[in-house]
Each structure stands twice: as C-alpha cells, then as structure tokens.
Amino acid sequence: MIAMKKIVLLILLLFPGVLFAQQVKFGNNPAAGKYFEVRGIKMYTETYGTGKPLLLIHGNGGSISAFTSTIPYFSKKKYNYRVME
C-alpha cells in the first residue's frame, strides 16, 4: 500500500498537469498572441495580465509550455505584472 502511494505521488510530481489542467492554450491563443518582425525573424509572443512588463524567455529548443504554471502565477492582479513570453 505504501509503495502504491509513493508511485501516485511520483506521478503527480512529475506530471503536475494531472492535477492542474491548463485552462489557457498557451502557444496557440489568438487573443493574446502576436507576431513581431525582429531583424528578419518572425517572432511569436503572448501577453497576459497588466502592470509592469515581465519578459519570460525559454531555453534553447524550449517553448511556451515551459511556463504553463509561471504565466498564471505572475499575471494575477496581486502581482500586477504584464507577462510576455
């Protein structure tokens, strides 16, 4: 029984989306997304929240999915950031 509890806990820690289903389709949200032309490169960004800008930049080969928990956290009114990825 203890081993089963450990397995369930491990799954929940490794896959937090199991508990907290993503409400917003980050990376595919026409209401928040916009393309910019930067030195000949077409760059896609999404903006959430209001207030001071907070720019999130994912690592090489990463995507906006790396911030599925971070974006909602900082874009809440209590933190008052305009989160841009």
Protein backbone atom coordinates (compact mmCIF):
# COMPACT_ATOMS: atom_id res chain seq x y z
CA MET A 1 0.00 0.00 0.00
CA ILE A 2 2.83 2.42 0.85
CA ALA A 3 4.52 1.62 -2.47
CA MET A 4 1.33 2.50 -4.35
CA LYS A 5 1.09 5.85 -2.53
CA LYS A 6 4.70 6.60 -3.47
CA ILE A 7 4.02 5.79 -7.12
CA VAL A 8 0.95 8.06 -7.20
CA LEU A 9 2.91 10.87 -5.51
CA LEU A 10 5.75 10.46 -8.03
CA ILE A 11 3.32 10.67 -10.95
CA LEU A 12 1.73 13.84 -9.55
CA LEU A 13 5.15 15.44 -9.01
CA LEU A 14 6.40 14.56 -12.48
CA PHE A 15 3.18 15.50 -14.27
CA PRO A 16 1.60 18.48 -12.47
CA GLY A 17 -0.84 18.89 -15.37
CA VAL A 18 -2.65 15.84 -13.98
CA LEU A 19 -3.81 17.98 -11.04
CA PHE A 20 -3.90 21.42 -12.61
CA ALA A 21 -5.35 21.21 -16.10
CA GLN A 22 -4.25 24.08 -18.30
CA GLN A 23 -7.17 26.46 -18.85
CA VAL A 24 -5.49 28.63 -21.49
CA LYS A 25 -3.91 27.17 -24.61
CA PHE A 26 -0.51 28.82 -24.24
CA GLY A 27 1.27 28.97 -27.56
CA ASN A 28 -1.98 28.90 -29.52
CA ASN A 29 -4.04 31.80 -28.19
CA PRO A 30 -5.11 34.27 -30.91
CA ALA A 31 -6.45 36.70 -28.28
CA ALA A 32 -3.06 37.02 -26.55
CA GLY A 33 -0.63 36.16 -29.36
CA LYS A 34 1.14 38.46 -31.77
CA TYR A 35 3.99 38.19 -34.29
CA PHE A 36 6.86 40.68 -34.45
CA GLU A 37 9.49 41.08 -37.15
CA VAL A 38 12.91 41.24 -35.46
CA ARG A 39 15.97 41.53 -37.74
CA GLY A 40 14.33 39.41 -40.39
CA ILE A 41 13.00 36.81 -37.94
CA LYS A 42 9.27 36.33 -37.36
CA MET A 43 8.90 36.06 -33.57
CA TYR A 44 5.70 34.98 -31.78
CA THR A 45 4.82 36.30 -28.31
CA GLU A 46 1.82 36.15 -25.99
CA THR A 47 0.93 38.75 -23.35
CA TYR A 48 -1.16 38.18 -20.21
CA GLY A 49 -2.05 40.47 -17.30
CA THR A 50 -1.40 44.18 -16.75
CA GLY A 51 1.18 46.30 -14.95
CA LYS A 52 4.96 46.25 -15.16
CA PRO A 53 6.28 44.10 -18.02
CA LEU A 54 7.88 40.77 -17.11
CA LEU A 55 9.58 39.05 -20.05
CA LEU A 56 9.91 35.26 -19.90
CA ILE A 57 12.42 33.67 -22.27
CA HIS A 58 12.56 29.89 -22.58
CA GLY A 59 15.79 27.99 -23.18
CA ASN A 60 17.14 26.71 -26.47
CA GLY A 61 14.69 24.27 -28.01
CA GLY A 62 12.05 25.12 -25.40
CA SER A 63 8.58 26.53 -25.85
CA ILE A 64 5.92 28.49 -24.04
CA SER A 65 4.81 25.21 -22.44
CA ALA A 66 7.74 25.62 -20.02
CA PHE A 67 5.76 28.47 -18.41
CA THR A 68 2.32 26.88 -18.01
CA SER A 69 2.47 27.47 -14.24
CA THR A 70 4.58 30.63 -14.28
CA ILE A 71 2.35 32.74 -16.56
CA PRO A 72 -0.84 32.43 -14.49
CA TYR A 73 1.12 32.98 -11.25
CA PHE A 74 2.69 36.30 -12.26
CA SER A 75 -0.22 37.64 -14.32
CA LYS A 76 -2.61 37.60 -11.33
CA LYS A 77 -3.75 41.01 -10.12
CA LYS A 78 -1.99 40.63 -6.78
CA TYR A 79 1.44 40.56 -8.52
CA ASN A 80 0.40 43.06 -11.21
CA TYR A 81 2.79 42.01 -13.98
CA ARG A 82 2.18 42.07 -17.70
CA VAL A 83 3.72 38.71 -18.56
CA MET A 84 5.20 38.43 -22.05
CA GLU A 85 6.63 35.22 -23.48
